[in-house]
Protein backbone atom coordinates (compact mmCIF):
# COMPACT_ATOMS: atom_id res chain seq x y z
CA UNK A 1 137.23 213.69 97.43
CA UNK A 2 134.44 215.38 95.57
CA UNK A 3 133.76 219.11 95.55
CA UNK A 4 130.10 220.14 95.48
CA UNK A 5 129.56 223.66 94.14
CA UNK A 6 126.00 223.89 95.45
CA UNK A 7 124.67 222.58 98.74
CA UNK A 8 122.08 219.89 98.00
CA UNK A 9 121.55 217.46 100.90
CA UNK A 10 119.95 214.73 98.76
CA UNK A 11 122.74 214.77 96.17
CA UNK A 12 125.42 214.69 98.85
CA UNK A 13 123.53 211.92 100.71
CA UNK A 14 123.59 209.77 97.55
CA UNK A 15 127.35 210.27 97.32
CA UNK A 16 127.86 209.35 101.00
CA UNK A 17 125.72 206.20 100.76
CA UNK A 18 127.47 205.12 97.57
CA UNK A 19 131.04 205.43 98.86
CA UNK A 20 130.38 204.76 102.59
CA UNK A 21 133.73 206.23 103.78
CA UNK A 22 135.72 209.26 102.65
CA UNK A 23 135.40 213.00 102.40
CA UNK A 24 133.76 215.73 100.37
CA UNK A 25 133.83 219.50 100.20
CA UNK A 26 131.04 222.02 99.83
CA UNK A 27 132.25 225.22 98.26
CA UNK A 28 132.00 227.99 100.82
CA UNK A 29 131.40 225.60 103.75
CA UNK A 30 134.59 223.55 103.88
CA UNK A 31 135.53 219.90 103.98
CA UNK A 32 133.44 217.18 105.63
CA UNK A 33 134.26 213.57 106.48
CA UNK A 34 131.94 210.59 106.36
CA UNK A 35 132.32 207.11 107.78
CA UNK A 36 129.87 204.24 107.99
CA UNK A 37 127.52 205.99 105.59
CA UNK A 38 127.06 209.04 107.85
CA UNK A 39 128.61 212.47 107.95
CA UNK A 40 130.70 212.83 111.09
CA UNK A 41 132.26 215.80 112.82
CA UNK A 42 135.83 215.21 113.92
CA UNK A 43 136.88 216.09 117.44
CA UNK A 44 139.72 218.29 116.18
CA UNK A 45 137.43 220.36 113.97
CA UNK A 46 136.05 223.69 115.01
CA UNK A 47 132.32 223.07 115.29
CA UNK A 48 129.91 225.85 114.52
CA UNK A 49 126.14 225.91 114.14
CA UNK A 50 126.23 226.07 110.35
CA UNK A 51 128.43 222.95 109.96
CA UNK A 52 126.33 221.08 112.51
CA UNK A 53 123.13 221.97 110.65
CA UNK A 54 124.63 220.77 107.36
CA UNK A 55 125.66 217.44 108.92
CA UNK A 56 122.20 216.94 110.40
CA UNK A 57 120.43 217.68 107.12
CA UNK A 58 122.63 215.31 105.13
CA UNK A 59 122.32 212.54 107.75
CA UNK A 60 118.54 213.01 107.79
CA UNK A 61 118.44 212.65 103.99
CA UNK A 62 120.53 209.46 104.31
CA UNK A 63 118.11 208.12 106.93
CA UNK A 64 115.12 208.79 104.65
CA UNK A 65 116.88 207.20 101.65
CA UNK A 66 117.76 204.02 103.54
CA UNK A 67 114.61 203.55 105.66
CA UNK A 68 113.32 200.82 103.33
CA UNK A 69 116.42 198.76 104.12
CA UNK A 70 115.72 198.88 107.87
CA UNK A 71 112.05 197.93 107.54
CA UNK A 72 112.70 194.61 105.79
CA UNK A 73 112.36 191.51 107.93
CA UNK A 74 114.68 188.65 107.21
């Protein structure tokens, strides 16, 4: 588990794509889980607007980073 001192969606997205499954923490915002290369919110977690916004921003950065992989035709 990595601890990020500053919230930077692109930096965290790189970490999530690289390791694909695990967890990370953002200082002041708490611990987050990711699975399948996306940040997920567990059902047992208390969901608030701030955490949801963070998950959306990181997942959007992941989508932008990996869009070239989806556009390739095999």
